Amino acid sequence: MKSAALIPARFASTRLPAKLVQDLGGKTVIQRTYLSTVATRVFDEVWVVTDHEEIANQIKALNGHVFFSQKNHESGSDRIAEALEQVDAELIVNVQGDEPFQDRKSLNDLVDSFLNEEVQIASLKTKISEDEAQNPNFVKVVTDVNDDALYFSRSPIPYNREKIRDLLYWKHVGIYGYRRAALLAYTQMKRGKLESIEMLEQLRLLENGFKIRMVETNHKTVAIDTAEDLARARVILGLKKG
């Protein structure tokens, strides 16, 4: 089954303007994300899907694949779906453009989950503490006995009514894998009520009856949303070089 990683790369950003073109050790954030995804050697192809010429030019400078988005999109999944006009793959993985340190094992485990023909959509989860679960910027997920997502929330779920010690919480890691038909189906769905309340695009899938298989990872992603995140990524890059 041919696989492709598609990296949505919107130029506009709120908390850190133009974050994807910020310098990160001599290369930009989006260049680091692209190169680290290629370096995993998990995918047959890696593409950056962007709405901005500067980002496109930076990836072309690396001899990378670029799809230039012609439409406005509400989510990264909508953006990469447009690129299916040009990308010929059955398995599509949405890699976040602001996460420059991609992990081979996590991505390989995600892809391997599709060896089960019942799996149409998959994503990643990682363990977090109860204190971390209180952070609304960390999206939590609860699953059924098959590791399919029951719900995602910015609130700590499950609610610890009995004050159980060391209750296990799972943070959603926002990398998605789709079979081609499932991604195209997603683009035909209207934004749901729960998605609008929580501002979480994956709830659109659950509201429309799709299952999302959750795959455990121990990899701690570094998402760059603020100047502080960028500074931390520079430190991590320095440690890796050292």
Protein backbone atom coordinates (compact mmCIF):
# COMPACT_ATOMS: atom_id res chain seq x y z
CA MET A 1 0.00 0.00 0.00
CA LYS A 2 1.59 3.25 -1.14
CA SER A 3 1.86 5.84 1.62
CA ALA A 4 2.41 9.58 1.60
CA ALA A 5 3.04 12.05 4.40
CA LEU A 6 1.32 15.37 3.74
CA ILE A 7 2.38 18.35 5.82
CA PRO A 8 -0.18 21.20 5.90
CA ALA A 9 1.73 24.47 6.14
CA ARG A 10 -0.40 27.58 6.50
CA PHE A 11 1.65 30.78 6.65
CA ALA A 12 -0.63 32.72 8.98
CA SER A 13 -0.36 32.00 12.71
CA THR A 14 -1.66 33.80 15.77
CA ARG A 15 0.61 33.37 18.79
CA LEU A 16 3.89 33.32 16.83
CA PRO A 17 3.53 35.17 13.52
CA ALA A 18 4.97 33.32 10.50
CA LYS A 19 6.12 30.54 12.83
CA LEU A 20 6.86 28.04 10.07
CA VAL A 21 9.52 30.27 8.53
CA GLN A 22 11.28 31.06 11.81
CA ASP A 23 14.95 30.08 11.97
CA LEU A 24 15.74 26.81 13.71
CA GLY A 25 19.45 26.14 13.55
CA GLY A 26 20.07 27.39 10.04
CA LYS A 27 16.89 25.97 8.57
CA THR A 28 13.29 27.07 9.05
CA VAL A 29 10.73 25.22 11.15
CA ILE A 30 8.93 23.88 8.08
CA GLN A 31 12.20 22.75 6.51
CA ARG A 32 13.10 20.89 9.72
CA THR A 33 9.68 19.23 9.78
CA TYR A 34 9.97 18.17 6.16
CA LEU A 35 13.51 16.84 6.53
CA SER A 36 12.82 14.94 9.75
CA THR A 37 9.74 13.33 8.16
CA VAL A 38 11.75 12.26 5.11
CA ALA A 39 14.53 10.97 7.39
CA THR A 40 12.17 8.50 9.07
CA ARG A 41 11.99 6.61 5.75
CA VAL A 42 8.46 5.50 6.63
CA PHE A 43 6.74 6.98 3.58
CA ASP A 44 6.96 6.52 -0.16
CA GLU A 45 6.48 10.28 -0.62
CA VAL A 46 6.52 13.39 1.56
CA TRP A 47 4.71 16.56 0.47
CA VAL A 48 4.25 20.03 1.93
CA VAL A 49 0.83 21.52 1.23
CA THR A 50 0.94 25.29 1.58
CA ASP A 51 -0.87 28.52 0.77
CA HIS A 52 2.23 30.72 0.68
CA GLU A 53 5.02 31.20 -1.84
CA GLU A 54 7.77 31.65 0.78
CA ILE A 55 7.05 28.25 2.31
CA ALA A 56 6.81 26.65 -1.14
CA ASN A 57 10.16 28.11 -2.16
CA GLN A 58 11.84 26.86 1.01
CA ILE A 59 10.73 23.29 0.33
CA LYS A 60 11.63 23.53 -3.35
CA ALA A 61 15.12 24.60 -2.23
CA LEU A 62 15.37 21.17 -0.61
CA ASN A 63 14.15 19.52 -3.84
CA GLY A 64 10.99 18.59 -1.97
CA HIS A 65 7.45 17.99 -3.22
CA VAL A 66 5.10 20.97 -2.85
CA PHE A 67 1.39 21.29 -3.52
CA PHE A 68 0.18 24.89 -3.65
CA SER A 69 -3.28 25.15 -2.13
CA GLN A 70 -5.76 27.23 -4.10
CA LYS A 71 -8.59 27.26 -1.56
CA ASN A 72 -9.24 28.50 1.97
CA HIS A 73 -9.53 25.65 4.46
CA GLU A 74 -10.85 25.31 8.01
CA SER A 75 -8.41 22.57 9.02
CA GLY A 76 -5.18 20.87 8.07
CA SER A 77 -7.09 17.76 7.02
CA ASP A 78 -9.18 19.82 4.59
CA ARG A 79 -5.98 21.34 3.21
CA ILE A 80 -4.21 18.04 2.56
CA ALA A 81 -7.34 16.57 0.97
CA GLU A 82 -7.06 19.16 -1.79
CA ALA A 83 -3.58 17.81 -2.56
CA LEU A 84 -5.04 14.40 -3.44
CA GLU A 85 -5.57 15.93 -6.89
CA GLN A 86 -1.82 15.39 -7.33
CA VAL A 87 -0.82 12.79 -4.73
CA ASP A 88 -1.34 9.17 -5.74
CA ALA A 89 -1.32 7.18 -2.49
CA GLU A 90 -3.80 4.98 -0.65
CA LEU A 91 -2.58 5.84 2.85
CA ILE A 92 -2.30 9.52 3.74
CA VAL A 93 -0.67 10.70 6.97
CA ASN A 94 -1.20 14.27 8.13
CA VAL A 95 2.03 15.43 9.81
CA GLN A 96 1.82 18.75 11.65
CA GLY A 97 4.00 21.43 10.04
CA ASP A 98 5.01 22.98 13.36
CA GLU A 99 6.48 19.77 14.83
CA PRO A 100 10.07 19.67 13.55
CA PHE A 101 11.26 16.52 15.35
CA GLN A 102 9.40 13.58 13.85
CA ASP A 103 9.86 10.09 15.26
CA ARG A 104 10.34 6.99 13.10
CA LYS A 105 8.79 4.49 15.52
CA SER A 106 5.65 6.55 16.13
CA LEU A 107 5.01 7.07 12.43
CA ASN A 108 5.82 3.46 11.59
CA ASP A 109 3.45 2.18 14.29
CA LEU A 110 0.72 4.48 12.97
CA VAL A 111 1.17 3.16 9.43
CA ASP A 112 1.27 -0.44 10.67
CA SER A 113 -2.13 -0.02 12.32
CA PHE A 114 -3.61 0.00 8.80
CA LEU A 115 -2.52 -3.60 8.31
CA ASN A 116 -5.87 -4.22 9.99
CA GLU A 117 -8.27 -3.70 7.10
CA GLU A 118 -10.99 -2.46 9.47
CA VAL A 119 -8.94 0.62 10.36
CA GLN A 120 -9.90 3.61 8.22
CA ILE A 121 -8.48 6.41 10.36
CA ALA A 122 -5.79 6.31 13.06
CA SER A 123 -3.98 8.74 15.31
CA LEU A 124 -1.54 8.80 18.24
CA LYS A 125 -1.87 9.08 22.01
CA THR A 126 0.64 9.36 24.84
CA LYS A 127 0.41 9.10 28.63
CA ILE A 128 0.30 12.29 30.70
CA SER A 129 -0.02 13.11 34.38
CA GLU A 130 -3.20 14.28 36.11
CA ASP A 131 -1.66 17.75 36.46
CA GLU A 132 -0.94 17.87 32.72
CA ALA A 133 -4.51 16.74 32.03
CA GLN A 134 -5.78 20.00 33.53
CA ASN A 135 -4.16 22.00 30.71
CA PRO A 136 -6.82 22.85 28.06
CA ASN A 137 -4.09 23.12 25.43
CA PHE A 138 -3.50 19.38 25.87
CA VAL A 139 -6.28 17.51 24.11
CA LYS A 140 -7.31 14.39 26.02
CA VAL A 141 -8.76 11.20 24.56
CA VAL A 142 -10.61 8.22 26.02
CA THR A 143 -10.90 4.94 24.12
CA ASP A 144 -12.91 1.72 24.05
CA VAL A 145 -11.58 -1.82 24.48
CA ASN A 146 -10.36 -1.82 20.85
CA ASP A 147 -8.41 1.45 21.33
CA ASP A 148 -10.90 3.32 19.17
CA ALA A 149 -11.54 6.87 20.37
CA LEU A 150 -14.76 7.46 22.30
CA TYR A 151 -14.23 11.19 22.78
CA PHE A 152 -11.67 13.98 22.65
CA SER A 153 -11.79 16.99 24.96
CA ARG A 154 -9.86 19.94 26.24
CA SER A 155 -11.27 19.07 29.67
CA PRO A 156 -9.67 16.30 31.76
CA ILE A 157 -11.43 13.06 30.82
CA PRO A 158 -12.42 10.78 32.42
CA TYR A 159 -13.67 12.87 35.35
CA ASN A 160 -12.02 11.48 38.49
CA ARG A 161 -15.13 11.37 40.69
CA GLU A 162 -13.73 8.87 43.19
CA LYS A 163 -10.34 10.63 43.39
CA ILE A 164 -8.49 7.53 42.20
CA ARG A 165 -4.75 7.89 42.69
CA ASP A 166 -2.49 7.70 39.64
CA LEU A 167 -5.42 7.71 37.24
CA LEU A 168 -4.17 7.28 33.68
CA TYR A 169 -4.79 10.12 31.24
CA TRP A 170 -4.04 10.11 27.52
CA LYS A 171 -3.01 13.11 25.49
CA HIS A 172 -3.92 13.15 21.82
CA VAL A 173 -0.94 13.66 19.50
CA GLY A 174 -2.30 15.39 16.42
CA ILE A 175 -0.90 13.19 13.67
CA TYR A 176 -3.60 11.46 11.62
CA GLY A 177 -3.51 8.58 9.18
CA TYR A 178 -6.35 8.15 6.66
CA ARG A 179 -7.23 5.72 3.99
CA ARG A 180 -7.77 7.84 0.90
CA ALA A 181 -11.54 7.32 0.79
CA ALA A 182 -11.91 8.25 4.48
CA LEU A 183 -10.05 11.53 3.99
CA LEU A 184 -12.19 12.42 1.00
CA ALA A 185 -15.32 11.58 3.01
CA TYR A 186 -14.13 13.91 5.79
CA THR A 187 -14.10 16.85 3.39
CA GLN A 188 -17.79 16.31 2.61
CA MET A 189 -18.85 16.56 6.26
CA LYS A 190 -20.14 19.78 7.75
CA ARG A 191 -18.63 21.07 10.97
CA GLY A 192 -20.49 19.49 13.87
CA LYS A 193 -21.76 20.96 17.13
CA LEU A 194 -19.17 19.28 19.31
CA GLU A 195 -16.35 20.34 16.96
CA SER A 196 -17.57 23.93 17.17
CA ILE A 197 -17.77 23.82 20.98
CA GLU A 198 -14.36 22.23 21.64
CA MET A 199 -12.69 23.54 18.46
CA LEU A 200 -11.34 20.06 17.69
CA GLU A 201 -11.61 18.90 14.08
CA GLN A 202 -11.42 15.19 14.95
CA LEU A 203 -14.81 15.41 16.67
CA ARG A 204 -16.36 15.88 13.23
CA LEU A 205 -15.35 12.32 12.45
CA LEU A 206 -16.81 10.89 15.66
CA GLU A 207 -20.04 12.84 15.20
CA ASN A 208 -20.41 11.22 11.77
CA GLY A 209 -19.85 7.67 13.02
CA PHE A 210 -16.23 7.17 11.99
CA LYS A 211 -13.88 5.22 14.24
CA ILE A 212 -10.39 6.54 15.01
CA ARG A 213 -7.89 3.89 16.09
CA MET A 214 -5.54 5.32 18.73
CA VAL A 215 -1.92 4.11 18.70
CA GLU A 216 0.27 4.57 21.76
CA THR A 217 3.55 6.45 21.50
CA ASN A 218 6.19 7.41 24.04
CA HIS A 219 7.61 10.13 21.82
CA LYS A 220 7.17 13.62 23.25
CA THR A 221 6.45 15.97 20.39
CA VAL A 222 7.58 19.57 20.30
CA ALA A 223 4.89 21.76 18.76
CA ILE A 224 5.98 25.32 18.04
CA ASP A 225 3.15 27.73 18.83
CA THR A 226 4.96 30.43 20.82
CA ALA A 227 8.34 32.14 21.04
CA GLU A 228 9.02 30.04 24.13
CA ASP A 229 8.36 26.85 22.16
CA LEU A 230 10.79 28.00 19.49
CA ALA A 231 13.47 28.69 22.09
CA ARG A 232 12.94 25.22 23.57
CA ALA A 233 13.24 23.63 20.13
CA ARG A 234 16.54 25.45 19.58
CA VAL A 235 17.84 24.02 22.85
CA ILE A 236 16.72 20.51 21.87
CA LEU A 237 18.38 20.87 18.48
CA GLY A 238 21.57 21.97 20.20
CA LEU A 239 21.49 18.96 22.52
CA LYS A 240 20.93 16.66 19.58
CA LYS A 241 23.91 18.14 17.79
CA GLY A 242 26.02 17.86 20.93
